[in-house]
Amino acid sequence: MKESKEMLRQRFEAQTDIELAQKPDRWKSYAEWLERLASKKINSELIGENEMLRNKMRKAMNVLEQGVT
C-alpha cells in the first residue's frame, strides 16, 4: 500500500511539476488530481458496461425480430 501511494505521488509530481514534499499547501492539488484519476477510471468502467449492455440488447432485439418474422 505504501509503495502504491508513493507511485501515485511520483506520477502526480511528474505530470504537474508540483513537488508535494516541499510545499504541504499543494496537497489540495494532489487530492483534486486523485479525484480526476478516479473519475476517469469510473467513467471508463461505465463506458465498458454500457457497451456490453448495448450489445446484449442488440442481440435480444435480433432474436425477437427473428421470432416475429
N, C-alpha and C. Protein backbone atom coordinates (compact mmCIF):
# COMPACT_ATOMS: atom_id res chain seq x y z
N MET A 1 0.84 -1.19 0.00
CA MET A 1 0.00 0.00 0.00
C MET A 1 0.88 1.25 0.00
N LYS A 2 1.92 1.22 0.80
CA LYS A 2 2.80 2.38 0.88
C LYS A 2 3.49 2.64 -0.45
N GLU A 3 3.86 1.55 -1.14
CA GLU A 3 4.52 1.69 -2.44
C GLU A 3 3.57 2.29 -3.47
N SER A 4 2.30 1.88 -3.45
CA SER A 4 1.35 2.41 -4.42
C SER A 4 1.07 3.89 -4.15
N LYS A 5 1.03 4.28 -2.88
CA LYS A 5 0.85 5.70 -2.57
C LYS A 5 2.03 6.51 -3.09
N GLU A 6 3.22 5.98 -2.90
CA GLU A 6 4.41 6.68 -3.37
C GLU A 6 4.43 6.76 -4.90
N MET A 7 4.00 5.70 -5.56
CA MET A 7 3.93 5.73 -7.03
C MET A 7 2.94 6.78 -7.51
N LEU A 8 1.79 6.88 -6.84
CA LEU A 8 0.81 7.90 -7.22
C LEU A 8 1.38 9.30 -7.02
N ARG A 9 2.06 9.50 -5.92
CA ARG A 9 2.65 10.83 -5.66
C ARG A 9 3.70 11.16 -6.71
N GLN A 10 4.53 10.20 -7.06
CA GLN A 10 5.55 10.44 -8.08
C GLN A 10 4.91 10.73 -9.44
N ARG A 11 3.85 10.00 -9.75
CA ARG A 11 3.13 10.23 -11.01
C ARG A 11 2.53 11.63 -11.04
N PHE A 12 1.94 12.05 -9.91
CA PHE A 12 1.37 13.39 -9.81
C PHE A 12 2.46 14.44 -10.03
N GLU A 13 3.58 14.27 -9.34
CA GLU A 13 4.67 15.24 -9.46
C GLU A 13 5.21 15.29 -10.88
N ALA A 14 5.28 14.14 -11.55
CA ALA A 14 5.78 14.10 -12.91
C ALA A 14 4.82 14.80 -13.88
N GLN A 15 3.53 14.63 -13.67
CA GLN A 15 2.54 15.21 -14.59
C GLN A 15 2.31 16.70 -14.34
N THR A 16 2.48 17.14 -13.11
CA THR A 16 2.13 18.52 -12.78
C THR A 16 3.31 19.41 -12.44
N ASP A 17 4.49 18.84 -12.27
CA ASP A 17 5.68 19.58 -11.84
C ASP A 17 5.48 20.27 -10.49
N ILE A 18 4.65 19.68 -9.63
CA ILE A 18 4.42 20.19 -8.28
C ILE A 18 5.02 19.18 -7.31
N GLU A 19 5.95 19.64 -6.48
CA GLU A 19 6.57 18.75 -5.50
C GLU A 19 5.81 18.86 -4.19
N LEU A 20 5.27 17.74 -3.74
CA LEU A 20 4.44 17.74 -2.54
C LEU A 20 5.27 17.86 -1.26
N ALA A 21 6.43 17.28 -1.23
CA ALA A 21 7.24 17.27 -0.01
C ALA A 21 7.67 18.67 0.40
N GLN A 22 7.91 19.52 -0.55
CA GLN A 22 8.41 20.86 -0.25
C GLN A 22 7.29 21.83 0.14
N LYS A 23 6.11 21.63 -0.37
CA LYS A 23 5.01 22.57 -0.13
C LYS A 23 3.76 21.81 0.30
N PRO A 24 3.53 21.70 1.60
CA PRO A 24 2.34 20.97 2.07
C PRO A 24 1.02 21.59 1.62
N ASP A 25 1.00 22.86 1.30
CA ASP A 25 -0.24 23.50 0.86
C ASP A 25 -0.69 23.02 -0.52
N ARG A 26 0.17 22.28 -1.19
CA ARG A 26 -0.18 21.77 -2.53
C ARG A 26 -0.90 20.43 -2.47
N TRP A 27 -1.18 19.94 -1.28
CA TRP A 27 -1.89 18.68 -1.15
C TRP A 27 -3.30 18.77 -1.71
N LYS A 28 -3.88 19.97 -1.72
CA LYS A 28 -5.20 20.15 -2.32
C LYS A 28 -5.15 19.80 -3.81
N SER A 29 -4.11 20.26 -4.48
CA SER A 29 -3.95 19.95 -5.90
C SER A 29 -3.82 18.44 -6.10
N TYR A 30 -3.08 17.80 -5.20
CA TYR A 30 -2.90 16.35 -5.28
C TYR A 30 -4.24 15.64 -5.09
N ALA A 31 -5.03 16.07 -4.12
CA ALA A 31 -6.32 15.45 -3.86
C ALA A 31 -7.25 15.61 -5.07
N GLU A 32 -7.25 16.78 -5.68
CA GLU A 32 -8.07 17.00 -6.87
C GLU A 32 -7.61 16.15 -8.03
N TRP A 33 -6.30 15.99 -8.16
CA TRP A 33 -5.74 15.15 -9.21
C TRP A 33 -6.19 13.71 -9.01
N LEU A 34 -6.14 13.23 -7.76
CA LEU A 34 -6.59 11.87 -7.45
C LEU A 34 -8.07 11.69 -7.79
N GLU A 35 -8.88 12.71 -7.49
CA GLU A 35 -10.30 12.64 -7.82
C GLU A 35 -10.51 12.52 -9.32
N ARG A 36 -9.77 13.29 -10.09
CA ARG A 36 -9.90 13.21 -11.55
C ARG A 36 -9.48 11.83 -12.05
N LEU A 37 -8.42 11.31 -11.47
CA LEU A 37 -7.93 9.99 -11.85
C LEU A 37 -8.99 8.93 -11.56
N ALA A 38 -9.59 9.00 -10.39
CA ALA A 38 -10.65 8.05 -10.01
C ALA A 38 -11.86 8.22 -10.92
N SER A 39 -12.20 9.46 -11.25
CA SER A 39 -13.34 9.71 -12.13
C SER A 39 -13.11 9.11 -13.51
N LYS A 40 -11.90 9.24 -14.02
CA LYS A 40 -11.59 8.66 -15.33
C LYS A 40 -11.75 7.15 -15.30
N LYS A 41 -11.30 6.52 -14.23
CA LYS A 41 -11.41 5.07 -14.11
C LYS A 41 -12.88 4.66 -14.05
N ILE A 42 -13.65 5.36 -13.24
CA ILE A 42 -15.08 5.05 -13.12
C ILE A 42 -15.78 5.24 -14.46
N ASN A 43 -15.47 6.34 -15.14
CA ASN A 43 -16.10 6.61 -16.44
C ASN A 43 -15.76 5.53 -17.46
N SER A 44 -14.50 5.09 -17.49
CA SER A 44 -14.14 4.06 -18.46
C SER A 44 -14.83 2.74 -18.13
N GLU A 45 -15.01 2.44 -16.84
CA GLU A 45 -15.73 1.23 -16.46
C GLU A 45 -17.20 1.33 -16.88
N LEU A 46 -17.79 2.49 -16.71
CA LEU A 46 -19.19 2.69 -17.11
C LEU A 46 -19.36 2.58 -18.61
N ILE A 47 -18.41 3.11 -19.35
CA ILE A 47 -18.48 3.02 -20.81
C ILE A 47 -18.43 1.56 -21.24
N GLY A 48 -17.53 0.79 -20.63
CA GLY A 48 -17.44 -0.64 -20.94
C GLY A 48 -18.72 -1.37 -20.62
N GLU A 49 -19.30 -1.06 -19.47
CA GLU A 49 -20.56 -1.69 -19.08
C GLU A 49 -21.69 -1.31 -20.03
N ASN A 50 -21.75 -0.05 -20.41
CA ASN A 50 -22.78 0.40 -21.35
C ASN A 50 -22.66 -0.30 -22.70
N GLU A 51 -21.43 -0.46 -23.17
CA GLU A 51 -21.22 -1.15 -24.44
C GLU A 51 -21.68 -2.60 -24.35
N MET A 52 -21.36 -3.26 -23.23
CA MET A 52 -21.78 -4.64 -23.05
C MET A 52 -23.30 -4.74 -23.04
N LEU A 53 -23.97 -3.85 -22.31
CA LEU A 53 -25.44 -3.87 -22.24
C LEU A 53 -26.06 -3.56 -23.60
N ARG A 54 -25.47 -2.63 -24.33
CA ARG A 54 -25.97 -2.30 -25.66
C ARG A 54 -25.87 -3.50 -26.60
N ASN A 55 -24.74 -4.22 -26.52
CA ASN A 55 -24.56 -5.40 -27.36
C ASN A 55 -25.57 -6.49 -27.00
N LYS A 56 -25.82 -6.67 -25.72
CA LYS A 56 -26.79 -7.68 -25.30
C LYS A 56 -28.20 -7.29 -25.75
N MET A 57 -28.51 -6.00 -25.65
CA MET A 57 -29.83 -5.52 -26.08
C MET A 57 -29.97 -5.70 -27.59
N ARG A 58 -28.92 -5.43 -28.32
CA ARG A 58 -28.96 -5.60 -29.78
C ARG A 58 -29.19 -7.06 -30.14
N LYS A 59 -28.51 -7.97 -29.43
CA LYS A 59 -28.71 -9.40 -29.69
C LYS A 59 -30.14 -9.82 -29.35
N ALA A 60 -30.66 -9.32 -28.24
CA ALA A 60 -32.03 -9.65 -27.85
C ALA A 60 -33.03 -9.13 -28.88
N MET A 61 -32.81 -7.94 -29.38
CA MET A 61 -33.71 -7.38 -30.39
C MET A 61 -33.64 -8.20 -31.68
N ASN A 62 -32.45 -8.67 -32.06
CA ASN A 62 -32.32 -9.51 -33.26
C ASN A 62 -33.06 -10.82 -33.09
N VAL A 63 -32.95 -11.43 -31.91
CA VAL A 63 -33.67 -12.68 -31.65
C VAL A 63 -35.18 -12.43 -31.68
N LEU A 64 -35.62 -11.35 -31.09
CA LEU A 64 -37.05 -11.01 -31.10
C LEU A 64 -37.53 -10.78 -32.53
N GLU A 65 -36.75 -10.08 -33.32
CA GLU A 65 -37.13 -9.81 -34.70
C GLU A 65 -37.22 -11.11 -35.50
N GLN A 66 -36.29 -12.02 -35.28
CA GLN A 66 -36.33 -13.30 -35.99
C GLN A 66 -37.55 -14.12 -35.55
N GLY A 67 -37.92 -14.02 -34.29
CA GLY A 67 -39.10 -14.75 -33.78
C GLY A 67 -40.39 -14.20 -34.36
N VAL A 68 -40.44 -12.90 -34.60
CA VAL A 68 -41.65 -12.27 -35.12
C VAL A 68 -41.82 -12.57 -36.60
N THR A 69 -40.72 -12.64 -37.34
CA THR A 69 -40.84 -12.84 -38.80
C THR A 69 -40.84 -14.26 -39.21
